[in-house]
Amino acid sequence: MADTKDRDAARSRAQTHFSASEQRDSLVKQMIEAERVATAAKTAKLRALRLAKEEADRLEAANAPKQESAPKTRARKAAAKKS
């Protein structure tokens, strides 16, 4: 009879430990998921801002008058002749 009580007590302690471990694992998984969602939202926001800026820059460049640049002249190197 005492053997059965010891076994039941050990089983109960093990089950309690296992339940606590499962709860911690569940909490960690929830925290990881919350961080993932926050990172995804931040990334989406930054991407939208970048795309909006690129579009504004593209429109500004398309509407800006084109400047004609002066043709570049090549600088000639003085060739030193040895006599």
C-alpha atoms as a PDB file:
ATOM      1  CA  MET A   1       0.000   0.000   0.000  1.00  0.00           C
ATOM      2  CA  ALA A   2       2.803   2.396   0.878  1.00  0.00           C
ATOM      3  CA  ASP A   3       4.457   1.525  -2.418  1.00  0.00           C
ATOM      4  CA  THR A   4       1.357   2.680  -4.308  1.00  0.00           C
ATOM      5  CA  LYS A   5       1.222   5.961  -2.384  1.00  0.00           C
ATOM      6  CA  ASP A   6       4.881   6.659  -3.136  1.00  0.00           C
ATOM      7  CA  ARG A   7       4.327   5.921  -6.797  1.00  0.00           C
ATOM      8  CA  ASP A   8       1.257   8.161  -6.941  1.00  0.00           C
ATOM      9  CA  ALA A   9       3.114  10.954  -5.158  1.00  0.00           C
ATOM     10  CA  ALA A  10       6.032  10.672  -7.592  1.00  0.00           C
ATOM     11  CA  ARG A  11       3.657  10.664 -10.542  1.00  0.00           C
ATOM     12  CA  SER A  12       1.869  13.717  -9.148  1.00  0.00           C
ATOM     13  CA  ARG A  13       5.145  15.626  -8.665  1.00  0.00           C
ATOM     14  CA  ALA A  14       6.275  14.710 -12.175  1.00  0.00           C
ATOM     15  CA  GLN A  15       2.952  15.797 -13.658  1.00  0.00           C
ATOM     16  CA  THR A  16       3.133  19.115 -11.771  1.00  0.00           C
ATOM     17  CA  HIS A  17       6.671  19.706 -13.056  1.00  0.00           C
ATOM     18  CA  PHE A  18       5.629  18.792 -16.595  1.00  0.00           C
ATOM     19  CA  SER A  19       2.607  21.122 -16.463  1.00  0.00           C
ATOM     20  CA  ALA A  20       4.756  24.019 -15.261  1.00  0.00           C
ATOM     21  CA  SER A  21       7.245  23.335 -18.047  1.00  0.00           C
ATOM     22  CA  GLU A  22       4.457  23.297 -20.643  1.00  0.00           C
ATOM     23  CA  GLN A  23       3.129  26.619 -19.341  1.00  0.00           C
ATOM     24  CA  ARG A  24       6.593  28.220 -19.609  1.00  0.00           C
ATOM     25  CA  ASP A  25       6.995  26.859 -23.128  1.00  0.00           C
ATOM     26  CA  SER A  26       3.599  28.229 -24.103  1.00  0.00           C
ATOM     27  CA  LEU A  27       4.454  31.644 -22.661  1.00  0.00           C
ATOM     28  CA  VAL A  28       7.772  31.743 -24.517  1.00  0.00           C
ATOM     29  CA  LYS A  29       6.056  30.820 -27.791  1.00  0.00           C
ATOM     30  CA  GLN A  30       3.524  33.617 -27.273  1.00  0.00           C
ATOM     31  CA  MET A  31       6.310  36.115 -26.609  1.00  0.00           C
ATOM     32  CA  ILE A  32       8.193  35.029 -29.728  1.00  0.00           C
ATOM     33  CA  GLU A  33       5.034  35.341 -31.832  1.00  0.00           C
ATOM     34  CA  ALA A  34       4.341  38.823 -30.428  1.00  0.00           C
ATOM     35  CA  GLU A  35       7.894  39.908 -31.284  1.00  0.00           C
ATOM     36  CA  ARG A  36       7.532  38.467 -34.785  1.00  0.00           C
ATOM     37  CA  VAL A  37       4.289  40.362 -35.349  1.00  0.00           C
ATOM     38  CA  ALA A  38       5.837  43.595 -34.073  1.00  0.00           C
ATOM     39  CA  THR A  39       8.864  43.169 -36.332  1.00  0.00           C
ATOM     40  CA  ALA A  40       6.665  42.401 -39.340  1.00  0.00           C
ATOM     41  CA  ALA A  41       4.566  45.522 -38.679  1.00  0.00           C
ATOM     42  CA  LYS A  42       7.678  47.683 -38.327  1.00  0.00           C
ATOM     43  CA  THR A  43       9.136  46.246 -41.536  1.00  0.00           C
ATOM     44  CA  ALA A  44       5.895  46.869 -43.442  1.00  0.00           C
ATOM     45  CA  LYS A  45       5.765  50.467 -42.195  1.00  0.00           C
ATOM     46  CA  LEU A  46       9.374  51.160 -43.162  1.00  0.00           C
ATOM     47  CA  ARG A  47       8.879  49.555 -46.568  1.00  0.00           C
ATOM     48  CA  ALA A  48       5.805  51.699 -47.235  1.00  0.00           C
ATOM     49  CA  LEU A  49       7.716  54.829 -46.244  1.00  0.00           C
ATOM     50  CA  ARG A  50      10.643  53.891 -48.496  1.00  0.00           C
ATOM     51  CA  LEU A  51       8.379  53.183 -51.468  1.00  0.00           C
ATOM     52  CA  ALA A  52       6.524  56.472 -50.966  1.00  0.00           C
ATOM     53  CA  LYS A  53       9.815  58.380 -50.866  1.00  0.00           C
ATOM     54  CA  GLU A  54      11.100  56.623 -53.973  1.00  0.00           C
ATOM     55  CA  GLU A  55       7.865  57.465 -55.818  1.00  0.00           C
ATOM     56  CA  ALA A  56       8.062  61.111 -54.722  1.00  0.00           C
ATOM     57  CA  ASP A  57      11.686  61.288 -55.860  1.00  0.00           C
ATOM     58  CA  ARG A  58      10.788  59.703 -59.184  1.00  0.00           C
ATOM     59  CA  LEU A  59       7.963  62.206 -59.769  1.00  0.00           C
ATOM     60  CA  GLU A  60      10.193  65.099 -58.796  1.00  0.00           C
ATOM     61  CA  ALA A  61      12.880  63.942 -61.203  1.00  0.00           C
ATOM     62  CA  ALA A  62      10.334  63.484 -63.999  1.00  0.00           C
ATOM     63  CA  ASN A  63       8.888  66.985 -63.500  1.00  0.00           C
ATOM     64  CA  ALA A  64      12.230  68.749 -63.084  1.00  0.00           C
ATOM     65  CA  PRO A  65      13.579  70.554 -66.144  1.00  0.00           C
ATOM     66  CA  LYS A  66      16.475  68.758 -67.711  1.00  0.00           C
ATOM     67  CA  GLN A  67      19.771  70.514 -67.338  1.00  0.00           C
ATOM     68  CA  GLU A  68      22.177  70.316 -70.194  1.00  0.00           C
ATOM     69  CA  SER A  69      25.632  69.669 -68.989  1.00  0.00           C
ATOM     70  CA  ALA A  70      28.643  71.180 -70.692  1.00  0.00           C
ATOM     71  CA  PRO A  71      30.687  68.650 -72.586  1.00  0.00           C
ATOM     72  CA  LYS A  72      33.630  67.534 -70.594  1.00  0.00           C
ATOM     73  CA  THR A  73      37.030  68.183 -72.071  1.00  0.00           C
ATOM     74  CA  ARG A  74      39.768  65.726 -71.539  1.00  0.00           C
ATOM     75  CA  ALA A  75      42.876  67.067 -69.937  1.00  0.00           C
ATOM     76  CA  ARG A  76      45.960  66.316 -71.941  1.00  0.00           C
ATOM     77  CA  LYS A  77      48.964  65.095 -70.191  1.00  0.00           C
ATOM     78  CA  ALA A  78      52.154  66.834 -71.119  1.00  0.00           C
ATOM     79  CA  ALA A  79      54.395  64.265 -72.713  1.00  0.00           C
ATOM     80  CA  ALA A  80      57.929  64.829 -71.616  1.00  0.00           C
ATOM     81  CA  LYS A  81      60.379  63.888 -74.348  1.00  0.00           C
ATOM     82  CA  LYS A  82      63.810  62.829 -73.384  1.00  0.00           C
ATOM     83  CA  SER A  83      66.596  63.809 -75.688  1.00  0.00           C
END
